[in-house]
Full PDB file with SEQRES, HELIX, SHEET, SSBOND, CRYST1, ORIGX, SCALE, CONECT and MASTER records, all heavy atoms in Angstrom:
SEQRES   1 A   35  ALA GLN ALA ARG ILE ARG GLU ALA LYS LYS LYS LEU ALA          
SEQRES   2 A   35  ALA LEU LEU LEU GLU GLY ILE ASN SER GLY PRO GLY ILE          
SEQRES   3 A   35  PRO VAL ASN ASP GLU TYR TRP ASP LYS                          
HELIX    1 AA1 GLN A    2  ILE A   20  1                                  19    
HELIX    2 AA2 ASP A   30  ASP A   34  1                                   5    
CRYST1    1.000    1.000    1.000  90.00  90.00  90.00 P 1           1          
ORIGX1      1.000000  0.000000  0.000000        0.00000                         
ORIGX2      0.000000  1.000000  0.000000        0.00000                         
ORIGX3      0.000000  0.000000  1.000000        0.00000                         
SCALE1      1.000000  0.000000  0.000000        0.00000                         
SCALE2      0.000000  1.000000  0.000000        0.00000                         
SCALE3      0.000000  0.000000  1.000000        0.00000                         
ATOM      1  N   ALA A   1     -24.619   7.288 -29.334  1.00  0.00           N  
ATOM      2  CA  ALA A   1     -24.002   5.945 -29.476  1.00  0.00           C  
ATOM      3  C   ALA A   1     -22.512   6.019 -29.194  1.00  0.00           C  
ATOM      4  O   ALA A   1     -21.960   5.132 -28.503  1.00  0.00           O  
ATOM      5  CB  ALA A   1     -24.252   5.430 -30.897  1.00  0.00           C  
ATOM      6  N   GLN A   2     -21.825   7.060 -29.664  1.00  0.00           N  
ATOM      7  CA  GLN A   2     -20.404   7.214 -29.399  1.00  0.00           C  
ATOM      8  C   GLN A   2     -20.163   7.450 -27.888  1.00  0.00           C  
ATOM      9  O   GLN A   2     -19.198   6.919 -27.314  1.00  0.00           O  
ATOM     10  CB  GLN A   2     -19.841   8.383 -30.204  1.00  0.00           C  
ATOM     11  CG  GLN A   2     -19.863   8.134 -31.690  1.00  0.00           C  
ATOM     12  CD  GLN A   2     -19.094   6.919 -32.129  1.00  0.00           C  
ATOM     13  OE1 GLN A   2     -18.019   6.635 -31.619  1.00  0.00           O  
ATOM     14  NE2 GLN A   2     -19.684   6.169 -33.043  1.00  0.00           N  
ATOM     15  N   ALA A   3     -21.050   8.170 -27.230  1.00  0.00           N  
ATOM     16  CA  ALA A   3     -20.907   8.402 -25.801  1.00  0.00           C  
ATOM     17  C   ALA A   3     -21.099   7.081 -25.045  1.00  0.00           C  
ATOM     18  O   ALA A   3     -20.377   6.824 -24.052  1.00  0.00           O  
ATOM     19  CB  ALA A   3     -21.962   9.442 -25.328  1.00  0.00           C  
ATOM     20  N   ARG A   4     -22.023   6.267 -25.502  1.00  0.00           N  
ATOM     21  CA  ARG A   4     -22.214   4.955 -24.846  1.00  0.00           C  
ATOM     22  C   ARG A   4     -20.994   4.081 -25.007  1.00  0.00           C  
ATOM     23  O   ARG A   4     -20.598   3.383 -24.076  1.00  0.00           O  
ATOM     24  CB  ARG A   4     -23.413   4.217 -25.444  1.00  0.00           C  
ATOM     25  CG  ARG A   4     -24.751   4.813 -25.037  1.00  0.00           C  
ATOM     26  CD  ARG A   4     -25.889   4.071 -25.753  1.00  0.00           C  
ATOM     27  NE  ARG A   4     -27.122   4.739 -25.527  1.00  0.00           N  
ATOM     28  CZ  ARG A   4     -28.121   4.242 -24.866  1.00  0.00           C  
ATOM     29  NH1 ARG A   4     -28.027   3.060 -24.304  1.00  0.00           N  
ATOM     30  NH2 ARG A   4     -29.247   4.928 -24.694  1.00  0.00           N  
ATOM     31  N   ILE A   5     -20.389   4.110 -26.180  1.00  0.00           N  
ATOM     32  CA  ILE A   5     -19.157   3.343 -26.412  1.00  0.00           C  
ATOM     33  C   ILE A   5     -18.033   3.805 -25.473  1.00  0.00           C  
ATOM     34  O   ILE A   5     -17.325   3.017 -24.890  1.00  0.00           O  
ATOM     35  CB  ILE A   5     -18.730   3.431 -27.890  1.00  0.00           C  
ATOM     36  CG1 ILE A   5     -19.723   2.679 -28.774  1.00  0.00           C  
ATOM     37  CG2 ILE A   5     -17.303   2.947 -28.091  1.00  0.00           C  
ATOM     38  CD1 ILE A   5     -19.561   2.901 -30.247  1.00  0.00           C  
ATOM     39  N   ARG A   6     -17.900   5.124 -25.334  1.00  0.00           N  
ATOM     40  CA  ARG A   6     -16.877   5.663 -24.408  1.00  0.00           C  
ATOM     41  C   ARG A   6     -17.107   5.192 -22.989  1.00  0.00           C  
ATOM     42  O   ARG A   6     -16.177   4.782 -22.285  1.00  0.00           O  
ATOM     43  CB  ARG A   6     -16.864   7.213 -24.472  1.00  0.00           C  
ATOM     44  CG  ARG A   6     -16.139   7.794 -25.656  1.00  0.00           C  
ATOM     45  CD  ARG A   6     -15.905   9.270 -25.496  1.00  0.00           C  
ATOM     46  NE  ARG A   6     -17.113  10.023 -25.198  1.00  0.00           N  
ATOM     47  CZ  ARG A   6     -17.964  10.505 -26.088  1.00  0.00           C  
ATOM     48  NH1 ARG A   6     -17.763  10.290 -27.366  1.00  0.00           N  
ATOM     49  NH2 ARG A   6     -19.020  11.217 -25.697  1.00  0.00           N  
ATOM     50  N   GLU A   7     -18.381   5.246 -22.554  1.00  0.00           N  
ATOM     51  CA  GLU A   7     -18.706   4.790 -21.212  1.00  0.00           C  
ATOM     52  C   GLU A   7     -18.435   3.308 -21.018  1.00  0.00           C  
ATOM     53  O   GLU A   7     -17.927   2.857 -19.989  1.00  0.00           O  
ATOM     54  CB  GLU A   7     -20.189   5.093 -20.888  1.00  0.00           C  
ATOM     55  CG  GLU A   7     -20.445   6.587 -20.655  1.00  0.00           C  
ATOM     56  CD  GLU A   7     -19.665   7.126 -19.489  1.00  0.00           C  
ATOM     57  OE1 GLU A   7     -19.617   6.536 -18.416  1.00  0.00           O  
ATOM     58  OE2 GLU A   7     -19.052   8.222 -19.702  1.00  0.00           O  
ATOM     59  N   ALA A   8     -18.783   2.497 -22.067  1.00  0.00           N  
ATOM     60  CA  ALA A   8     -18.510   1.060 -21.965  1.00  0.00           C  
ATOM     61  C   ALA A   8     -17.002   0.766 -21.889  1.00  0.00           C  
ATOM     62  O   ALA A   8     -16.586  -0.091 -21.118  1.00  0.00           O  
ATOM     63  CB  ALA A   8     -19.149   0.341 -23.173  1.00  0.00           C  
ATOM     64  N   LYS A   9     -16.223   1.534 -22.638  1.00  0.00           N  
ATOM     65  CA  LYS A   9     -14.777   1.367 -22.587  1.00  0.00           C  
ATOM     66  C   LYS A   9     -14.238   1.740 -21.229  1.00  0.00           C  
ATOM     67  O   LYS A   9     -13.302   1.030 -20.720  1.00  0.00           O  
ATOM     68  CB  LYS A   9     -14.103   2.196 -23.686  1.00  0.00           C  
ATOM     69  CG  LYS A   9     -14.279   1.614 -25.093  1.00  0.00           C  
ATOM     70  CD  LYS A   9     -13.578   2.463 -26.139  1.00  0.00           C  
ATOM     71  CE  LYS A   9     -13.723   1.864 -27.534  1.00  0.00           C  
ATOM     72  NZ  LYS A   9     -13.064   2.669 -28.550  1.00  0.00           N  
ATOM     73  N   LYS A  10     -14.756   2.788 -20.644  1.00  0.00           N  
ATOM     74  CA  LYS A  10     -14.321   3.198 -19.287  1.00  0.00           C  
ATOM     75  C   LYS A  10     -14.659   2.066 -18.289  1.00  0.00           C  
ATOM     76  O   LYS A  10     -13.833   1.738 -17.425  1.00  0.00           O  
ATOM     77  CB  LYS A  10     -15.009   4.468 -18.839  1.00  0.00           C  
ATOM     78  CG  LYS A  10     -14.393   5.730 -19.385  1.00  0.00           C  
ATOM     79  CD  LYS A  10     -14.972   6.914 -18.629  1.00  0.00           C  
ATOM     80  CE  LYS A  10     -15.509   7.949 -19.576  1.00  0.00           C  
ATOM     81  NZ  LYS A  10     -16.132   9.076 -18.852  1.00  0.00           N  
ATOM     82  N   LYS A  11     -15.840   1.525 -18.407  1.00  0.00           N  
ATOM     83  CA  LYS A  11     -16.283   0.463 -17.464  1.00  0.00           C  
ATOM     84  C   LYS A  11     -15.423  -0.783 -17.661  1.00  0.00           C  
ATOM     85  O   LYS A  11     -14.987  -1.393 -16.665  1.00  0.00           O  
ATOM     86  CB  LYS A  11     -17.739   0.105 -17.686  1.00  0.00           C  
ATOM     87  CG  LYS A  11     -18.265  -0.899 -16.705  1.00  0.00           C  
ATOM     88  CD  LYS A  11     -19.762  -1.120 -16.911  1.00  0.00           C  
ATOM     89  CE  LYS A  11     -20.253  -2.112 -15.844  1.00  0.00           C  
ATOM     90  NZ  LYS A  11     -21.690  -2.353 -15.948  1.00  0.00           N  
ATOM     91  N   LEU A  12     -15.144  -1.120 -18.897  1.00  0.00           N  
ATOM     92  CA  LEU A  12     -14.283  -2.277 -19.188  1.00  0.00           C  
ATOM     93  C   LEU A  12     -12.884  -2.083 -18.596  1.00  0.00           C  
ATOM     94  O   LEU A  12     -12.327  -2.956 -17.997  1.00  0.00           O  
ATOM     95  CB  LEU A  12     -14.197  -2.547 -20.699  1.00  0.00           C  
ATOM     96  CG  LEU A  12     -13.304  -3.693 -21.131  1.00  0.00           C  
ATOM     97  CD1 LEU A  12     -13.725  -5.010 -20.485  1.00  0.00           C  
ATOM     98  CD2 LEU A  12     -13.269  -3.783 -22.639  1.00  0.00           C  
ATOM     99  N   ALA A  13     -12.328  -0.898 -18.786  1.00  0.00           N  
ATOM    100  CA  ALA A  13     -11.025  -0.588 -18.250  1.00  0.00           C  
ATOM    101  C   ALA A  13     -11.001  -0.712 -16.726  1.00  0.00           C  
ATOM    102  O   ALA A  13     -10.070  -1.296 -16.166  1.00  0.00           O  
ATOM    103  CB  ALA A  13     -10.571   0.827 -18.678  1.00  0.00           C  
ATOM    104  N   ALA A  14     -12.047  -0.219 -16.079  1.00  0.00           N  
ATOM    105  CA  ALA A  14     -12.124  -0.322 -14.609  1.00  0.00           C  
ATOM    106  C   ALA A  14     -12.235  -1.768 -14.192  1.00  0.00           C  
ATOM    107  O   ALA A  14     -11.570  -2.184 -13.209  1.00  0.00           O  
ATOM    108  CB  ALA A  14     -13.346   0.473 -14.112  1.00  0.00           C  
ATOM    109  N   LEU A  15     -13.006  -2.584 -14.918  1.00  0.00           N  
ATOM    110  CA  LEU A  15     -13.129  -3.970 -14.574  1.00  0.00           C  
ATOM    111  C   LEU A  15     -11.829  -4.742 -14.796  1.00  0.00           C  
ATOM    112  O   LEU A  15     -11.447  -5.606 -13.991  1.00  0.00           O  
ATOM    113  CB  LEU A  15     -14.253  -4.638 -15.363  1.00  0.00           C  
ATOM    114  CG  LEU A  15     -15.683  -4.237 -14.987  1.00  0.00           C  
ATOM    115  CD1 LEU A  15     -16.681  -4.736 -16.007  1.00  0.00           C  
ATOM    116  CD2 LEU A  15     -16.011  -4.691 -13.601  1.00  0.00           C  
ATOM    117  N   LEU A  16     -11.113  -4.404 -15.864  1.00  0.00           N  
ATOM    118  CA  LEU A  16      -9.835  -5.043 -16.114  1.00  0.00           C  
ATOM    119  C   LEU A  16      -8.823  -4.683 -15.024  1.00  0.00           C  
ATOM    120  O   LEU A  16      -8.095  -5.556 -14.506  1.00  0.00           O  
ATOM    121  CB  LEU A  16      -9.281  -4.609 -17.471  1.00  0.00           C  
ATOM    122  CG  LEU A  16      -9.989  -5.203 -18.690  1.00  0.00           C  
ATOM    123  CD1 LEU A  16      -9.530  -4.519 -19.966  1.00  0.00           C  
ATOM    124  CD2 LEU A  16      -9.776  -6.713 -18.759  1.00  0.00           C  
ATOM    125  N   LEU A  17      -8.799  -3.417 -14.591  1.00  0.00           N  
ATOM    126  CA  LEU A  17      -7.920  -3.028 -13.514  1.00  0.00           C  
ATOM    127  C   LEU A  17      -8.295  -3.729 -12.218  1.00  0.00           C  
ATOM    128  O   LEU A  17      -7.394  -4.177 -11.459  1.00  0.00           O  
ATOM    129  CB  LEU A  17      -7.940  -1.519 -13.313  1.00  0.00           C  
ATOM    130  CG  LEU A  17      -7.109  -0.704 -14.290  1.00  0.00           C  
ATOM    131  CD1 LEU A  17      -7.334   0.787 -14.072  1.00  0.00           C  
ATOM    132  CD2 LEU A  17      -5.642  -1.034 -14.161  1.00  0.00           C  
ATOM    133  N   GLU A  18      -9.559  -3.873 -11.963  1.00  0.00           N  
ATOM    134  CA  GLU A  18     -10.020  -4.590 -10.765  1.00  0.00           C  
ATOM    135  C   GLU A  18      -9.509  -6.024 -10.799  1.00  0.00           C  
ATOM    136  O   GLU A  18      -9.030  -6.571  -9.797  1.00  0.00           O  
ATOM    137  CB  GLU A  18     -11.557  -4.566 -10.696  1.00  0.00           C  
ATOM    138  CG  GLU A  18     -12.132  -5.263  -9.476  1.00  0.00           C  
ATOM    139  CD  GLU A  18     -13.662  -5.249  -9.472  1.00  0.00           C  
ATOM    140  OE1 GLU A  18     -14.260  -4.316 -10.038  1.00  0.00           O  
ATOM    141  OE2 GLU A  18     -14.197  -6.192  -8.898  1.00  0.00           O  
ATOM    142  N   GLY A  19      -9.628  -6.648 -11.949  1.00  0.00           N  
ATOM    143  CA  GLY A  19      -9.122  -8.012 -12.097  1.00  0.00           C  
ATOM    144  C   GLY A  19      -7.619  -8.121 -11.904  1.00  0.00           C  
ATOM    145  O   GLY A  19      -7.126  -8.995 -11.198  1.00  0.00           O  
ATOM    146  N   ILE A  20      -6.911  -7.177 -12.521  1.00  0.00           N  
ATOM    147  CA  ILE A  20      -5.445  -7.182 -12.383  1.00  0.00           C  
ATOM    148  C   ILE A  20      -5.019  -6.995 -10.951  1.00  0.00           C  
ATOM    149  O   ILE A  20      -4.081  -7.652 -10.455  1.00  0.00           O  
ATOM    150  CB  ILE A  20      -4.823  -6.075 -13.278  1.00  0.00           C  
ATOM    151  CG1 ILE A  20      -4.963  -6.465 -14.749  1.00  0.00           C  
ATOM    152  CG2 ILE A  20      -3.405  -5.799 -12.923  1.00  0.00           C  
ATOM    153  CD1 ILE A  20      -4.647  -5.337 -15.727  1.00  0.00           C  
ATOM    154  N   ASN A  21      -5.734  -6.142 -10.214  1.00  0.00           N  
ATOM    155  CA  ASN A  21      -5.396  -5.853  -8.849  1.00  0.00           C  
ATOM    156  C   ASN A  21      -5.978  -6.851  -7.840  1.00  0.00           C  
ATOM    157  O   ASN A  21      -5.773  -6.723  -6.632  1.00  0.00           O  
ATOM    158  CB  ASN A  21      -5.859  -4.437  -8.477  1.00  0.00           C  
ATOM    159  CG  ASN A  21      -5.106  -3.398  -9.241  1.00  0.00           C  
ATOM    160  OD1 ASN A  21      -3.921  -3.564  -9.538  1.00  0.00           O  
ATOM    161  ND2 ASN A  21      -5.768  -2.321  -9.588  1.00  0.00           N  
ATOM    162  N   SER A  22      -6.692  -7.873  -8.301  1.00  0.00           N  
ATOM    163  CA  SER A  22      -7.390  -8.771  -7.398  1.00  0.00           C  
ATOM    164  C   SER A  22      -6.457  -9.912  -6.926  1.00  0.00           C  
ATOM    165  O   SER A  22      -6.854 -10.671  -6.027  1.00  0.00           O  
ATOM    166  CB  SER A  22      -8.603  -9.402  -8.085  1.00  0.00           C  
ATOM    167  OG  SER A  22      -8.223 -10.280  -9.125  1.00  0.00           O  
ATOM    168  N   GLY A  23      -5.292 -10.001  -7.437  1.00  0.00           N  
ATOM    169  CA  GLY A  23      -4.371 -11.034  -6.961  1.00  0.00           C  
ATOM    170  C   GLY A  23      -3.770 -11.818  -8.131  1.00  0.00           C  
ATOM    171  O   GLY A  23      -4.009 -11.496  -9.267  1.00  0.00           O  
ATOM    172  N   PRO A  24      -3.042 -12.846  -7.783  1.00  0.00           N  
ATOM    173  CA  PRO A  24      -2.341 -13.588  -8.839  1.00  0.00           C  
ATOM    174  C   PRO A  24      -3.376 -14.299  -9.737  1.00  0.00           C  
ATOM    175  O   PRO A  24      -4.433 -14.751  -9.233  1.00  0.00           O  
ATOM    176  CB  PRO A  24      -1.472 -14.588  -8.093  1.00  0.00           C  
ATOM    177  CG  PRO A  24      -2.016 -14.628  -6.711  1.00  0.00           C  
ATOM    178  CD  PRO A  24      -2.711 -13.343  -6.436  1.00  0.00           C  
ATOM    179  N   GLY A  25      -3.043 -14.436 -10.973  1.00  0.00           N  
ATOM    180  CA  GLY A  25      -3.943 -15.103 -11.921  1.00  0.00           C  
ATOM    181  C   GLY A  25      -3.830 -16.603 -11.863  1.00  0.00           C  
ATOM    182  O   GLY A  25      -2.961 -17.170 -11.179  1.00  0.00           O  
ATOM    183  N   ILE A  26      -4.740 -17.269 -12.521  1.00  0.00           N  
ATOM    184  CA  ILE A  26      -4.721 -18.714 -12.620  1.00  0.00           C  
ATOM    185  C   ILE A  26      -4.715 -19.055 -14.108  1.00  0.00           C  
ATOM    186  O   ILE A  26      -5.260 -18.341 -14.922  1.00  0.00           O  
ATOM    187  CB  ILE A  26      -5.931 -19.363 -11.908  1.00  0.00           C  
ATOM    188  CG1 ILE A  26      -7.222 -18.862 -12.543  1.00  0.00           C  
ATOM    189  CG2 ILE A  26      -5.897 -19.116 -10.414  1.00  0.00           C  
ATOM    190  CD1 ILE A  26      -8.455 -19.630 -12.088  1.00  0.00           C  
ATOM    191  N   PRO A  27      -4.113 -20.184 -14.443  1.00  0.00           N  
ATOM    192  CA  PRO A  27      -4.131 -20.589 -15.854  1.00  0.00           C  
ATOM    193  C   PRO A  27      -5.530 -21.039 -16.240  1.00  0.00           C  
ATOM    194  O   PRO A  27      -6.174 -21.813 -15.540  1.00  0.00           O  
ATOM    195  CB  PRO A  27      -3.146 -21.722 -15.960  1.00  0.00           C  
ATOM    196  CG  PRO A  27      -2.918 -22.194 -14.558  1.00  0.00           C  
ATOM    197  CD  PRO A  27      -3.295 -21.082 -13.644  1.00  0.00           C  
ATOM    198  N   VAL A  28      -6.052 -20.478 -17.339  1.00  0.00           N  
ATOM    199  CA  VAL A  28      -7.350 -20.902 -17.876  1.00  0.00           C  
ATOM    200  C   VAL A  28      -7.145 -21.572 -19.195  1.00  0.00           C  
ATOM    201  O   VAL A  28      -6.783 -20.902 -20.173  1.00  0.00           O  
ATOM    202  CB  VAL A  28      -8.287 -19.693 -17.955  1.00  0.00           C  
ATOM    203  CG1 VAL A  28      -9.614 -20.094 -18.536  1.00  0.00           C  
ATOM    204  CG2 VAL A  28      -8.487 -19.027 -16.580  1.00  0.00           C  
ATOM    205  N   ASN A  29      -7.322 -22.861 -19.210  1.00  0.00           N  
ATOM    206  CA  ASN A  29      -7.109 -23.649 -20.437  1.00  0.00           C  
ATOM    207  C   ASN A  29      -8.238 -24.670 -20.535  1.00  0.00           C  
ATOM    208  O   ASN A  29      -9.166 -24.653 -19.751  1.00  0.00           O  
ATOM    209  CB  ASN A  29      -5.729 -24.316 -20.375  1.00  0.00           C  
ATOM    210  CG  ASN A  29      -5.487 -25.045 -19.063  1.00  0.00           C  
ATOM    211  OD1 ASN A  29      -6.421 -25.538 -18.460  1.00  0.00           O  
ATOM    212  ND2 ASN A  29      -4.231 -25.105 -18.621  1.00  0.00           N  
ATOM    213  N   ASP A  30      -8.133 -25.608 -21.451  1.00  0.00           N  
ATOM    214  CA  ASP A  30      -9.142 -26.606 -21.634  1.00  0.00           C  
ATOM    215  C   ASP A  30      -9.383 -27.439 -20.384  1.00  0.00           C  
ATOM    216  O   ASP A  30     -10.500 -27.774 -20.009  1.00  0.00           O  
ATOM    217  CB  ASP A  30      -8.816 -27.529 -22.819  1.00  0.00           C  
ATOM    218  CG  ASP A  30      -8.963 -26.848 -24.150  1.00  0.00           C  
ATOM    219  OD1 ASP A  30      -9.666 -25.818 -24.218  1.00  0.00           O  
ATOM    220  OD2 ASP A  30      -8.384 -27.346 -25.131  1.00  0.00           O  
ATOM    221  N   GLU A  31      -8.305 -27.776 -19.698  1.00  0.00           N  
ATOM    222  CA  GLU A  31      -8.406 -28.539 -18.451  1.00  0.00           C  
ATOM    223  C   GLU A  31      -9.206 -27.797 -17.411  1.00  0.00           C  
ATOM    224  O   GLU A  31     -10.057 -28.357 -16.726  1.00  0.00           O  
ATOM    225  CB  GLU A  31      -7.006 -28.871 -17.950  1.00  0.00           C  
ATOM    226  CG  GLU A  31      -6.987 -29.697 -16.716  1.00  0.00           C  
ATOM    227  CD  GLU A  31      -5.556 -30.003 -16.190  1.00  0.00           C  
ATOM    228  OE1 GLU A  31      -4.646 -30.025 -17.014  1.00  0.00           O  
ATOM    229  OE2 GLU A  31      -5.400 -30.163 -14.965  1.00  0.00           O  
ATOM    230  N   TYR A  32      -8.939 -26.510 -17.285  1.00  0.00           N  
ATOM    231  CA  TYR A  32      -9.637 -25.646 -16.318  1.00  0.00           C  
ATOM    232  C   TYR A  32     -11.139 -25.700 -16.633  1.00  0.00           C  
ATOM    233  O   TYR A  32     -11.979 -25.886 -15.744  1.00  0.00           O  
ATOM    234  CB  TYR A  32      -9.116 -24.200 -16.365  1.00  0.00           C  
ATOM    235  CG  TYR A  32      -9.992 -23.235 -15.635  1.00  0.00           C  
ATOM    236  CD1 TYR A  32      -9.822 -23.026 -14.259  1.00  0.00           C  
ATOM    237  CD2 TYR A  32     -11.006 -22.530 -16.272  1.00  0.00           C  
ATOM    238  CE1 TYR A  32     -10.620 -22.113 -13.577  1.00  0.00           C  
ATOM    239  CE2 TYR A  32     -11.792 -21.636 -15.595  1.00  0.00           C  
ATOM    240  CZ  TYR A  32     -11.636 -21.428 -14.244  1.00  0.00           C  
ATOM    241  OH  TYR A  32     -12.434 -20.558 -13.562  1.00  0.00           O  
ATOM    242  N   TRP A  33     -11.508 -25.472 -17.922  1.00  0.00           N  
ATOM    243  CA  TRP A  33     -12.924 -25.431 -18.311  1.00  0.00           C  
ATOM    244  C   TRP A  33     -13.580 -26.787 -18.142  1.00  0.00           C  
ATOM    245  O   TRP A  33     -14.748 -26.846 -17.711  1.00  0.00           O  
ATOM    246  CB  TRP A  33     -13.073 -24.913 -19.738  1.00  0.00           C  
ATOM    247  CG  TRP A  33     -12.778 -23.425 -19.834  1.00  0.00           C  
ATOM    248  CD1 TRP A  33     -11.779 -22.860 -20.535  1.00  0.00           C  
ATOM    249  CD2 TRP A  33     -13.481 -22.371 -19.179  1.00  0.00           C  
ATOM    250  NE1 TRP A  33     -11.794 -21.491 -20.363  1.00  0.00           N  
ATOM    251  CE2 TRP A  33     -12.833 -21.151 -19.557  1.00  0.00           C  
ATOM    252  CE3 TRP A  33     -14.582 -22.303 -18.321  1.00  0.00           C  
ATOM    253  CZ2 TRP A  33     -13.282 -19.939 -19.090  1.00  0.00           C  
ATOM    254  CZ3 TRP A  33     -15.016 -21.075 -17.883  1.00  0.00           C  
ATOM    255  CH2 TRP A  33     -14.366 -19.888 -18.252  1.00  0.00           C  
ATOM    256  N   ASP A  34     -12.880 -27.874 -18.414  1.00  0.00           N  
ATOM    257  CA  ASP A  34     -13.451 -29.189 -18.211  1.00  0.00           C  
ATOM    258  C   ASP A  34     -13.782 -29.418 -16.757  1.00  0.00           C  
ATOM    259  O   ASP A  34     -14.841 -29.932 -16.377  1.00  0.00           O  
ATOM    260  CB  ASP A  34     -12.485 -30.268 -18.710  1.00  0.00           C  
ATOM    261  CG  ASP A  34     -12.359 -30.296 -20.230  1.00  0.00           C  
ATOM    262  OD1 ASP A  34     -13.242 -29.698 -20.920  1.00  0.00           O  
ATOM    263  OD2 ASP A  34     -11.354 -30.882 -20.700  1.00  0.00           O  
ATOM    264  N   LYS A  35     -12.846 -29.026 -15.865  1.00  0.00           N  
ATOM    265  CA  LYS A  35     -13.071 -29.186 -14.430  1.00  0.00           C  
ATOM    266  C   LYS A  35     -14.228 -28.298 -13.964  1.00  0.00           C  
ATOM    267  O   LYS A  35     -15.080 -28.716 -13.181  1.00  0.00           O  
ATOM    268  CB  LYS A  35     -11.779 -28.840 -13.671  1.00  0.00           C  
ATOM    269  CG  LYS A  35     -11.871 -28.981 -12.194  1.00  0.00           C  
ATOM    270  CD  LYS A  35     -10.556 -28.669 -11.500  1.00  0.00           C  
ATOM    271  CE  LYS A  35     -10.716 -28.743  -9.993  1.00  0.00           C  
ATOM    272  NZ  LYS A  35      -9.533 -28.282  -9.277  1.00  0.00           N  
TER     273      LYS A  35                                                      
MASTER        0    0    0    2    0    0    0    6  272    1    0    3          
END                                                                             
């Protein structure tokens, strides 16, 4: 179970880096979700 948690954290870190490196962000607020 601890090994699975470590792997999930690695995957999450990789996905976060991918998102950070994907370009400029956009504001996500109530208006965004309504649209």
